[in-house]
Amino acid sequence: MTSPTAWQKSSFSGPEDNQNCVHVRRIASGEIELVESEIPGTIVATSRANFAAFLLGVKAGEFDHLIENPSQG
């Protein structure tokens, strides 16, 4: 078993008191949990492998179109 970790958010989310962000943590089973601070009752769990693949996609820019120029859809 893996030791669970505390919820963590990106430093890009702003100051510590800014809770409008996505939080992540590793739980005892080794899975990764994600929660949106605006909907704290909904927690999504995924495997470490799936989360790692997602992070690689983020780092490679695969999701940049989702946040670029919202007026263009």
PDB file of N, CA and C in Angstrom:
ATOM      1  N   MET A   1       0.831  -1.192   0.000  1.00  0.00           N
ATOM      2  CA  MET A   1       0.000   0.000   0.000  1.00  0.00           C
ATOM      3  C   MET A   1       0.873   1.252   0.000  1.00  0.00           C
ATOM      4  N   THR A   2       0.360   2.280  -0.598  1.00  0.00           N
ATOM      5  CA  THR A   2       1.025   3.571  -0.673  1.00  0.00           C
ATOM      6  C   THR A   2       0.456   4.479   0.408  1.00  0.00           C
ATOM      7  N   SER A   3       1.304   5.316   0.995  1.00  0.00           N
ATOM      8  CA  SER A   3       0.811   6.268   1.993  1.00  0.00           C
ATOM      9  C   SER A   3      -0.024   7.334   1.303  1.00  0.00           C
ATOM     10  N   PRO A   4      -1.193   7.661   1.854  1.00  0.00           N
ATOM     11  CA  PRO A   4      -2.011   8.715   1.252  1.00  0.00           C
ATOM     12  C   PRO A   4      -1.339  10.071   1.411  1.00  0.00           C
ATOM     13  N   THR A   5      -1.670  10.982   0.532  1.00  0.00           N
ATOM     14  CA  THR A   5      -1.122  12.331   0.600  1.00  0.00           C
ATOM     15  C   THR A   5      -2.250  13.332   0.799  1.00  0.00           C
ATOM     16  N   ALA A   6      -1.881  14.528   1.209  1.00  0.00           N
ATOM     17  CA  ALA A   6      -2.860  15.601   1.399  1.00  0.00           C
ATOM     18  C   ALA A   6      -3.277  16.140   0.036  1.00  0.00           C
ATOM     19  N   TRP A   7      -4.433  16.781  -0.014  1.00  0.00           N
ATOM     20  CA  TRP A   7      -4.864  17.428  -1.247  1.00  0.00           C
ATOM     21  C   TRP A   7      -3.823  18.458  -1.666  1.00  0.00           C
ATOM     22  N   GLN A   8      -3.584  18.551  -2.949  1.00  0.00           N
ATOM     23  CA  GLN A   8      -2.595  19.480  -3.494  1.00  0.00           C
ATOM     24  C   GLN A   8      -3.204  20.187  -4.691  1.00  0.00           C
ATOM     25  N   LYS A   9      -2.845  21.467  -4.861  1.00  0.00           N
ATOM     26  CA  LYS A   9      -3.297  22.209  -6.035  1.00  0.00           C
ATOM     27  C   LYS A   9      -2.095  22.842  -6.708  1.00  0.00           C
ATOM     28  N   SER A  10      -2.269  23.234  -7.936  1.00  0.00           N
ATOM     29  CA  SER A  10      -1.192  23.858  -8.686  1.00  0.00           C
ATOM     30  C   SER A  10      -0.861  25.232  -8.123  1.00  0.00           C
ATOM     31  N   SER A  11       0.406  25.568  -8.115  1.00  0.00           N
ATOM     32  CA  SER A  11       0.805  26.916  -7.696  1.00  0.00           C
ATOM     33  C   SER A  11       0.297  27.956  -8.697  1.00  0.00           C
ATOM     34  N   PHE A  12      -0.065  27.529  -9.895  1.00  0.00           N
ATOM     35  CA  PHE A  12      -0.619  28.433 -10.889  1.00  0.00           C
ATOM     36  C   PHE A  12      -2.057  28.829 -10.570  1.00  0.00           C
ATOM     37  N   SER A  13      -2.666  28.193  -9.572  1.00  0.00           N
ATOM     38  CA  SER A  13      -4.041  28.513  -9.173  1.00  0.00           C
ATOM     39  C   SER A  13      -4.120  29.786  -8.352  1.00  0.00           C
ATOM     40  N   GLY A  14      -2.998  30.345  -7.979  1.00  0.00           N
ATOM     41  CA  GLY A  14      -3.001  31.577  -7.215  1.00  0.00           C
ATOM     42  C   GLY A  14      -2.672  31.337  -5.755  1.00  0.00           C
ATOM     43  N   PRO A  15      -2.959  32.321  -4.900  1.00  0.00           N
ATOM     44  CA  PRO A  15      -2.611  32.236  -3.484  1.00  0.00           C
ATOM     45  C   PRO A  15      -3.293  31.068  -2.774  1.00  0.00           C
ATOM     46  N   GLU A  16      -2.735  30.686  -1.660  1.00  0.00           N
ATOM     47  CA  GLU A  16      -3.236  29.533  -0.888  1.00  0.00           C
ATOM     48  C   GLU A  16      -4.709  29.668  -0.534  1.00  0.00           C
ATOM     49  N   ASP A  17      -5.172  30.908  -0.291  1.00  0.00           N
ATOM     50  CA  ASP A  17      -6.576  31.085   0.101  1.00  0.00           C
ATOM     51  C   ASP A  17      -7.534  31.044  -1.101  1.00  0.00           C
ATOM     52  N   ASN A  18      -6.998  30.956  -2.309  1.00  0.00           N
ATOM     53  CA  ASN A  18      -7.833  30.808  -3.510  1.00  0.00           C
ATOM     54  C   ASN A  18      -8.196  29.339  -3.649  1.00  0.00           C
ATOM     55  N   GLN A  19      -9.443  29.031  -3.462  1.00  0.00           N
ATOM     56  CA  GLN A  19      -9.880  27.637  -3.508  1.00  0.00           C
ATOM     57  C   GLN A  19     -10.596  27.290  -4.806  1.00  0.00           C
ATOM     58  N   ASN A  20     -10.555  28.181  -5.793  1.00  0.00           N
ATOM     59  CA  ASN A  20     -11.200  27.910  -7.074  1.00  0.00           C
ATOM     60  C   ASN A  20     -10.222  27.185  -7.994  1.00  0.00           C
ATOM     61  N   CYS A  21     -10.101  25.887  -7.779  1.00  0.00           N
ATOM     62  CA  CYS A  21      -9.115  25.127  -8.533  1.00  0.00           C
ATOM     63  C   CYS A  21      -9.405  23.631  -8.422  1.00  0.00           C
ATOM     64  N   VAL A  22      -8.611  22.856  -9.111  1.00  0.00           N
ATOM     65  CA  VAL A  22      -8.683  21.409  -9.028  1.00  0.00           C
ATOM     66  C   VAL A  22      -7.626  20.945  -8.031  1.00  0.00           C
ATOM     67  N   HIS A  23      -8.022  20.053  -7.128  1.00  0.00           N
ATOM     68  CA  HIS A  23      -7.098  19.477  -6.156  1.00  0.00           C
ATOM     69  C   HIS A  23      -6.864  18.012  -6.504  1.00  0.00           C
ATOM     70  N   VAL A  24      -5.667  17.528  -6.239  1.00  0.00           N
ATOM     71  CA  VAL A  24      -5.347  16.115  -6.468  1.00  0.00           C
ATOM     72  C   VAL A  24      -4.665  15.541  -5.233  1.00  0.00           C
ATOM     73  N   ARG A  25      -4.782  14.228  -5.086  1.00  0.00           N
ATOM     74  CA  ARG A  25      -4.069  13.538  -4.015  1.00  0.00           C
ATOM     75  C   ARG A  25      -3.958  12.060  -4.372  1.00  0.00           C
ATOM     76  N   ARG A  26      -2.987  11.408  -3.769  1.00  0.00           N
ATOM     77  CA  ARG A  26      -2.847   9.954  -3.902  1.00  0.00           C
ATOM     78  C   ARG A  26      -3.464   9.327  -2.670  1.00  0.00           C
ATOM     79  N   ILE A  27      -4.267   8.298  -2.853  1.00  0.00           N
ATOM     80  CA  ILE A  27      -4.895   7.628  -1.719  1.00  0.00           C
ATOM     81  C   ILE A  27      -4.155   6.327  -1.417  1.00  0.00           C
ATOM     82  N   ALA A  28      -4.511   5.688  -0.315  1.00  0.00           N
ATOM     83  CA  ALA A  28      -3.782   4.517   0.177  1.00  0.00           C
ATOM     84  C   ALA A  28      -3.686   3.397  -0.853  1.00  0.00           C
ATOM     85  N   SER A  29      -4.688   3.255  -1.710  1.00  0.00           N
ATOM     86  CA  SER A  29      -4.667   2.198  -2.732  1.00  0.00           C
ATOM     87  C   SER A  29      -3.669   2.494  -3.842  1.00  0.00           C
ATOM     88  N   GLY A  30      -3.156   3.731  -3.875  1.00  0.00           N
ATOM     89  CA  GLY A  30      -2.239   4.147  -4.932  1.00  0.00           C
ATOM     90  C   GLY A  30      -2.926   4.923  -6.034  1.00  0.00           C
ATOM     91  N   GLU A  31      -4.264   4.915  -6.039  1.00  0.00           N
ATOM     92  CA  GLU A  31      -5.000   5.670  -7.044  1.00  0.00           C
ATOM     93  C   GLU A  31      -4.860   7.171  -6.793  1.00  0.00           C
ATOM     94  N   ILE A  32      -5.152   7.937  -7.832  1.00  0.00           N
ATOM     95  CA  ILE A  32      -5.147   9.389  -7.752  1.00  0.00           C
ATOM     96  C   ILE A  32      -6.594   9.867  -7.716  1.00  0.00           C
ATOM     97  N   GLU A  33      -6.891  10.778  -6.796  1.00  0.00           N
ATOM     98  CA  GLU A  33      -8.215  11.386  -6.724  1.00  0.00           C
ATOM     99  C   GLU A  33      -8.111  12.849  -7.140  1.00  0.00           C
ATOM    100  N   LEU A  34      -9.146  13.316  -7.824  1.00  0.00           N
ATOM    101  CA  LEU A  34      -9.251  14.710  -8.246  1.00  0.00           C
ATOM    102  C   LEU A  34     -10.576  15.264  -7.764  1.00  0.00           C
ATOM    103  N   VAL A  35     -10.570  16.519  -7.363  1.00  0.00           N
ATOM    104  CA  VAL A  35     -11.803  17.180  -6.943  1.00  0.00           C
ATOM    105  C   VAL A  35     -11.747  18.638  -7.403  1.00  0.00           C
ATOM    106  N   GLU A  36     -12.873  19.124  -7.892  1.00  0.00           N
ATOM    107  CA  GLU A  36     -13.022  20.525  -8.271  1.00  0.00           C
ATOM    108  C   GLU A  36     -13.520  21.263  -7.035  1.00  0.00           C
ATOM    109  N   SER A  37     -12.837  22.324  -6.650  1.00  0.00           N
ATOM    110  CA  SER A  37     -13.182  23.014  -5.401  1.00  0.00           C
ATOM    111  C   SER A  37     -14.606  23.570  -5.410  1.00  0.00           C
ATOM    112  N   GLU A  38     -15.151  23.865  -6.569  1.00  0.00           N
ATOM    113  CA  GLU A  38     -16.507  24.390  -6.634  1.00  0.00           C
ATOM    114  C   GLU A  38     -17.561  23.291  -6.491  1.00  0.00           C
ATOM    115  N   ILE A  39     -17.148  22.021  -6.608  1.00  0.00           N
ATOM    116  CA  ILE A  39     -18.060  20.881  -6.449  1.00  0.00           C
ATOM    117  C   ILE A  39     -17.359  19.859  -5.552  1.00  0.00           C
ATOM    118  N   PRO A  40     -17.132  20.194  -4.281  1.00  0.00           N
ATOM    119  CA  PRO A  40     -16.295  19.353  -3.422  1.00  0.00           C
ATOM    120  C   PRO A  40     -16.850  17.967  -3.121  1.00  0.00           C
ATOM    121  N   GLY A  41     -18.112  17.745  -3.334  1.00  0.00           N
ATOM    122  CA  GLY A  41     -18.695  16.438  -3.054  1.00  0.00           C
ATOM    123  C   GLY A  41     -18.460  15.405  -4.149  1.00  0.00           C
ATOM    124  N   THR A  42     -17.926  15.840  -5.284  1.00  0.00           N
ATOM    125  CA  THR A  42     -17.689  14.934  -6.404  1.00  0.00           C
ATOM    126  C   THR A  42     -16.196  14.682  -6.536  1.00  0.00           C
ATOM    127  N   ILE A  43     -15.794  13.458  -6.246  1.00  0.00           N
ATOM    128  CA  ILE A  43     -14.386  13.081  -6.324  1.00  0.00           C
ATOM    129  C   ILE A  43     -14.234  12.039  -7.424  1.00  0.00           C
ATOM    130  N   VAL A  44     -13.284  12.254  -8.301  1.00  0.00           N
ATOM    131  CA  VAL A  44     -13.000  11.320  -9.385  1.00  0.00           C
ATOM    132  C   VAL A  44     -11.699  10.603  -9.056  1.00  0.00           C
ATOM    133  N   ALA A  45     -11.706   9.283  -9.164  1.00  0.00           N
ATOM    134  CA  ALA A  45     -10.508   8.485  -8.903  1.00  0.00           C
ATOM    135  C   ALA A  45     -10.031   7.854 -10.206  1.00  0.00           C
ATOM    136  N   THR A  46      -8.718   7.774 -10.370  1.00  0.00           N
ATOM    137  CA  THR A  46      -8.125   7.152 -11.538  1.00  0.00           C
ATOM    138  C   THR A  46      -6.825   6.469 -11.149  1.00  0.00           C
ATOM    139  N   SER A  47      -6.340   5.617 -12.007  1.00  0.00           N
ATOM    140  CA  SER A  47      -5.078   4.929 -11.716  1.00  0.00           C
ATOM    141  C   SER A  47      -3.912   5.884 -11.904  1.00  0.00           C
ATOM    142  N   ARG A  48      -2.798   5.546 -11.294  1.00  0.00           N
ATOM    143  CA  ARG A  48      -1.590   6.360 -11.458  1.00  0.00           C
ATOM    144  C   ARG A  48      -1.159   6.371 -12.917  1.00  0.00           C
ATOM    145  N   ALA A  49      -1.310   5.240 -13.609  1.00  0.00           N
ATOM    146  CA  ALA A  49      -0.922   5.157 -15.021  1.00  0.00           C
ATOM    147  C   ALA A  49      -1.778   6.091 -15.879  1.00  0.00           C
ATOM    148  N   ASN A  50      -3.083   6.097 -15.640  1.00  0.00           N
ATOM    149  CA  ASN A  50      -3.968   6.984 -16.401  1.00  0.00           C
ATOM    150  C   ASN A  50      -3.662   8.449 -16.112  1.00  0.00           C
ATOM    151  N   PHE A  51      -3.403   8.770 -14.852  1.00  0.00           N
ATOM    152  CA  PHE A  51      -3.093  10.155 -14.493  1.00  0.00           C
ATOM    153  C   PHE A  51      -1.761  10.569 -15.101  1.00  0.00           C
ATOM    154  N   ALA A  52      -0.779   9.675 -15.098  1.00  0.00           N
ATOM    155  CA  ALA A  52       0.523   9.967 -15.701  1.00  0.00           C
ATOM    156  C   ALA A  52       0.374  10.230 -17.196  1.00  0.00           C
ATOM    157  N   ALA A  53      -0.435   9.426 -17.875  1.00  0.00           N
ATOM    158  CA  ALA A  53      -0.665   9.627 -19.310  1.00  0.00           C
ATOM    159  C   ALA A  53      -1.339  10.973 -19.562  1.00  0.00           C
ATOM    160  N   PHE A  54      -2.295  11.336 -18.699  1.00  0.00           N
ATOM    161  CA  PHE A  54      -2.963  12.629 -18.822  1.00  0.00           C
ATOM    162  C   PHE A  54      -1.963  13.771 -18.643  1.00  0.00           C
ATOM    163  N   LEU A  55      -1.115  13.685 -17.625  1.00  0.00           N
ATOM    164  CA  LEU A  55      -0.123  14.736 -17.395  1.00  0.00           C
ATOM    165  C   LEU A  55       0.842  14.876 -18.566  1.00  0.00           C
ATOM    166  N   LEU A  56       1.229  13.761 -19.155  1.00  0.00           N
ATOM    167  CA  LEU A  56       2.093  13.830 -20.335  1.00  0.00           C
ATOM    168  C   LEU A  56       1.397  14.565 -21.475  1.00  0.00           C
ATOM    169  N   GLY A  57       0.105  14.312 -21.645  1.00  0.00           N
ATOM    170  CA  GLY A  57      -0.662  15.025 -22.664  1.00  0.00           C
ATOM    171  C   GLY A  57      -0.756  16.515 -22.380  1.00  0.00           C
ATOM    172  N   VAL A  58      -0.960  16.863 -21.113  1.00  0.00           N
ATOM    173  CA  VAL A  58      -1.007  18.277 -20.717  1.00  0.00           C
ATOM    174  C   VAL A  58       0.331  18.941 -21.024  1.00  0.00           C
ATOM    175  N   LYS A  59       1.416  18.308 -20.610  1.00  0.00           N
ATOM    176  CA  LYS A  59       2.748  18.867 -20.841  1.00  0.00           C
ATOM    177  C   LYS A  59       3.068  18.996 -22.324  1.00  0.00           C
ATOM    178  N   ALA A  60       2.518  18.111 -23.137  1.00  0.00           N
ATOM    179  CA  ALA A  60       2.760  18.143 -24.581  1.00  0.00           C
ATOM    180  C   ALA A  60       1.856  19.141 -25.307  1.00  0.00           C
ATOM    181  N   GLY A  61       0.935  19.775 -24.569  1.00  0.00           N
ATOM    182  CA  GLY A  61       0.058  20.779 -25.158  1.00  0.00           C
ATOM    183  C   GLY A  61      -1.189  20.230 -25.821  1.00  0.00           C
ATOM    184  N   GLU A  62      -1.508  18.967 -25.603  1.00  0.00           N
ATOM    185  CA  GLU A  62      -2.659  18.347 -26.260  1.00  0.00           C
ATOM    186  C   GLU A  62      -4.004  18.968 -25.872  1.00  0.00           C
ATOM    187  N   PHE A  63      -4.061  19.658 -24.753  1.00  0.00           N
ATOM    188  CA  PHE A  63      -5.324  20.224 -24.278  1.00  0.00           C
ATOM    189  C   PHE A  63      -5.339  21.746 -24.320  1.00  0.00           C
ATOM    190  N   ASP A  64      -4.317  22.345 -24.891  1.00  0.00           N
ATOM    191  CA  ASP A  64      -4.223  23.803 -24.928  1.00  0.00           C
ATOM    192  C   ASP A  64      -5.420  24.439 -25.627  1.00  0.00           C
ATOM    193  N   HIS A  65      -5.964  23.768 -26.625  1.00  0.00           N
ATOM    194  CA  HIS A  65      -7.103  24.324 -27.358  1.00  0.00           C
ATOM    195  C   HIS A  65      -8.331  24.533 -26.476  1.00  0.00           C
ATOM    196  N   LEU A  66      -8.387  23.851 -25.342  1.00  0.00           N
ATOM    197  CA  LEU A  66      -9.531  23.991 -24.441  1.00  0.00           C
ATOM    198  C   LEU A  66      -9.521  25.300 -23.673  1.00  0.00           C
ATOM    199  N   ILE A  67      -8.368  25.932 -23.575  1.00  0.00           N
ATOM    200  CA  ILE A  67      -8.281  27.167 -22.798  1.00  0.00           C
ATOM    201  C   ILE A  67      -7.886  28.380 -23.652  1.00  0.00           C
ATOM    202  N   GLU A  68      -7.604  28.162 -24.908  1.00  0.00           N
ATOM    203  CA  GLU A  68      -7.210  29.254 -25.793  1.00  0.00           C
ATOM    204  C   GLU A  68      -8.425  29.910 -26.415  1.00  0.00           C
ATOM    205  N   ASN A  69      -8.449  31.204 -26.422  1.00  0.00           N
ATOM    206  CA  ASN A  69      -9.437  32.014 -27.112  1.00  0.00           C
ATOM    207  C   ASN A  69     -10.855  31.434 -27.066  1.00  0.00           C
ATOM    208  N   PRO A  70     -11.499  31.466 -25.884  1.00  0.00           N
ATOM    209  CA  PRO A  70     -12.812  30.862 -25.719  1.00  0.00           C
ATOM    210  C   PRO A  70     -13.863  31.382 -26.700  1.00  0.00           C
ATOM    211  N   SER A  71     -13.705  32.567 -27.236  1.00  0.00           N
ATOM    212  CA  SER A  71     -14.701  33.125 -28.164  1.00  0.00           C
ATOM    213  C   SER A  71     -14.743  32.374 -29.486  1.00  0.00           C
ATOM    214  N   GLN A  72     -13.708  31.566 -29.752  1.00  0.00           N
ATOM    215  CA  GLN A  72     -13.682  30.800 -30.992  1.00  0.00           C
ATOM    216  C   GLN A  72     -14.220  29.384 -30.819  1.00  0.00           C
ATOM    217  N   GLY A  73     -14.769  29.094 -29.660  1.00  0.00           N
ATOM    218  CA  GLY A  73     -15.431  27.825 -29.447  1.00  0.00           C
ATOM    219  C   GLY A  73     -14.555  26.763 -28.977  1.00  0.00           C
TER     220      GLY A  73
END
